Protein backbone atom coordinates (compact mmCIF):
# COMPACT_ATOMS: atom_id res chain seq x y z
CA MET A 1 108.30 164.51 123.92
CA LYS A 2 105.40 165.34 121.61
CA PRO A 3 106.00 166.53 118.01
CA ASN A 4 105.08 170.15 118.82
CA GLU A 5 107.46 170.22 121.80
CA ALA A 6 110.28 168.73 119.75
CA MET A 7 109.63 171.21 116.94
CA GLN A 8 109.69 174.05 119.47
CA ALA A 9 113.16 172.87 120.52
CA ALA A 10 114.18 172.89 116.83
CA LEU A 11 112.72 176.38 116.44
CA ASN A 12 114.80 177.52 119.41
CA GLU A 13 117.87 176.29 117.52
CA ALA A 14 116.68 178.13 114.39
CA LYS A 15 116.44 181.34 116.42
CA LYS A 16 120.08 180.87 117.47
CA ALA A 17 121.00 180.70 113.79
CA TYR A 18 119.04 183.88 113.12
CA GLU A 19 120.89 185.68 115.91
CA ILE A 20 124.26 184.91 114.30
CA ASP A 21 123.06 185.86 110.80
CA GLU A 22 122.69 182.29 109.53
CA VAL A 23 119.63 181.02 107.65
CA PRO A 24 117.34 180.13 110.58
CA ILE A 25 117.02 176.37 110.40
CA GLY A 26 117.21 174.26 113.53
CA CYS A 27 117.25 170.55 114.21
CA VAL A 28 116.99 168.21 117.17
CA ILE A 29 117.34 164.45 117.32
CA LEU A 30 115.30 162.45 119.80
CA HIS A 31 115.94 159.04 121.30
CA GLN A 32 113.22 157.57 123.50
CA GLY A 33 111.59 160.99 123.65
CA GLU A 34 114.68 162.83 124.89
CA VAL A 35 116.77 165.33 122.92
CA ILE A 36 120.22 163.82 122.40
CA ALA A 37 121.48 166.27 119.74
CA ARG A 38 120.67 169.81 118.69
CA ALA A 39 122.09 172.10 116.06
CA HIS A 40 121.41 175.02 113.76
CA ASN A 41 122.80 176.11 110.41
CA GLN A 42 126.42 177.25 110.54
CA LYS A 43 127.37 177.50 106.85
CA GLU A 44 128.50 181.11 107.04
CA ILE A 45 130.42 180.76 110.29
CA ASP A 46 132.10 177.50 109.25
CA GLN A 47 132.35 178.46 105.56
CA LYS A 48 131.38 174.86 104.78
CA ALA A 49 128.54 173.86 102.47
CA CYS A 50 127.84 170.82 104.65
CA SER A 51 127.22 172.74 107.88
CA HIS A 52 123.46 172.26 107.72
CA ALA A 53 121.57 171.82 110.98
CA GLU A 54 120.69 168.20 110.17
CA ILE A 55 124.27 167.20 109.32
CA LEU A 56 125.61 168.79 112.51
CA ALA A 57 122.91 167.15 114.65
CA ILE A 58 123.49 163.74 113.04
CA SER A 59 127.21 164.07 113.83
CA GLN A 60 126.38 164.88 117.46
CA ALA A 61 124.05 161.89 117.70
CA ASN A 62 126.74 159.64 116.20
CA GLU A 63 129.12 160.85 118.89
CA TYR A 64 126.48 160.31 121.58
CA PHE A 65 126.00 156.67 120.57
CA LYS A 66 129.58 156.12 119.34
CA HIS A 67 127.96 154.58 116.26
CA TRP A 68 126.88 155.67 112.79
CA ARG A 69 123.46 153.99 112.94
CA LEU A 70 120.67 156.02 114.51
CA ASN A 71 118.03 153.29 114.25
CA ASP A 72 115.84 154.34 117.16
CA CYS A 73 115.90 158.10 116.60
CA THR A 74 113.63 160.81 115.30
CA LEU A 75 115.06 163.81 113.48
CA VAL A 76 113.02 167.01 113.88
CA VAL A 77 113.89 169.99 111.68
CA THR A 78 112.22 173.31 110.96
CA LEU A 79 112.56 173.11 107.17
CA GLU A 80 112.21 170.12 104.84
CA PRO A 81 115.62 168.50 104.41
CA CYS A 82 117.58 169.01 101.19
CA MET A 83 119.04 166.15 99.12
CA MET A 84 122.32 166.20 101.03
CA CYS A 85 120.55 165.97 104.37
CA ALA A 86 118.07 163.36 103.10
CA GLY A 87 121.07 161.32 102.01
CA ALA A 88 122.67 161.65 105.45
CA ILE A 89 119.36 160.67 107.07
CA ALA A 90 119.23 157.55 104.90
CA GLN A 91 122.88 156.73 105.59
CA ALA A 92 122.30 157.07 109.36
CA ARG A 93 119.18 154.87 109.08
CA ILE A 94 117.04 157.41 110.93
CA PRO A 95 113.54 155.90 110.84
CA TYR A 96 111.45 159.03 111.55
CA VAL A 97 111.71 162.56 110.20
CA VAL A 98 109.47 165.41 111.33
CA TYR A 99 109.72 168.75 109.59
CA GLY A 100 107.97 172.08 109.70
CA ALA A 101 107.87 174.04 106.47
CA SER A 102 108.12 172.52 103.00
CA ASP A 103 110.92 173.74 100.74
CA SER A 104 109.97 174.13 97.07
CA LYS A 105 113.56 175.02 96.06
CA PHE A 106 115.61 172.31 97.76
CA GLY A 107 113.24 169.98 99.65
CA ALA A 108 113.94 166.29 99.12
CA TYR A 109 110.72 164.88 100.59
CA GLY A 110 108.24 166.33 98.12
CA GLY A 111 108.98 170.07 98.12
CA CYS A 112 111.33 170.06 95.11
CA PHE A 113 111.47 166.31 94.48
CA ASP A 114 110.67 163.23 96.53
CA SER A 115 113.59 161.00 97.44
CA THR A 116 111.19 158.44 98.90
CA LEU A 117 110.12 157.65 95.32
CA ILE A 118 113.63 156.66 94.25
CA ARG A 119 113.54 152.91 93.80
CA GLY A 120 116.32 150.76 95.16
CA LEU A 121 117.41 152.77 98.18
CA ASN A 122 117.91 150.70 101.30
CA HIS A 123 116.22 153.13 103.70
CA TYR A 124 113.11 155.29 103.57
CA PRO A 125 112.16 157.25 106.70
CA LYS A 126 108.57 157.74 107.81
CA LEU A 127 107.70 161.42 107.39
CA THR A 128 105.55 163.88 109.27
CA SER A 129 105.37 167.35 107.75
CA GLY A 130 103.80 170.68 108.59
CA VAL A 131 104.49 170.65 112.34
CA LEU A 132 104.51 174.31 113.45
CA ALA A 133 105.15 175.19 109.80
CA ASP A 134 103.77 178.72 110.20
CA GLN A 135 106.37 179.53 112.84
CA SER A 136 109.17 178.14 110.67
CA ILE A 137 107.97 180.11 107.65
CA GLU A 138 107.60 183.31 109.68
CA LEU A 139 111.16 183.02 110.98
CA LEU A 140 112.57 182.38 107.50
CA GLN A 141 110.58 185.23 105.94
CA SER A 142 111.69 187.64 108.66
CA PHE A 143 115.32 186.65 108.12
CA PHE A 144 115.23 187.11 104.35
CA GLU A 145 113.27 190.39 104.62
CA SER A 146 115.93 191.77 106.96
CA LYS A 147 118.62 190.66 104.48
CA ARG A 148 116.90 192.49 101.61
CA LYS A 149 116.66 195.69 103.66
CA ARG A 150 120.44 195.74 104.21
């Protein structure tokens, strides 16, 4: 699966979040080019701060492999991961992260701060950013505009 196709799958997850009045962020995890996990934000529904799309998808992938290490996987998410999610990515040893839009308020890969510059960590994923970013941004802006109108 090519990066744009994988990001489209993540965007489809983000649209599911939008439909249930969650911040529209979606994530898929690939193994050998196939989607093995998919999730979208569920903080409001679950009433749990940790119910980010990335955390939920990582949990699904752990269940898929029956293991905590996701060494041969790629995480694809519509918005730059926050510090919590970047920490989970490092803990799961995910080697590749692809994201759409940068996040200047919470992004942990350069948007707000760059966790890859923290010395001494035992894992640093390779990053690809900006994949279908305009679509991610448009979806987020539409969501927050509709919130302000209510």
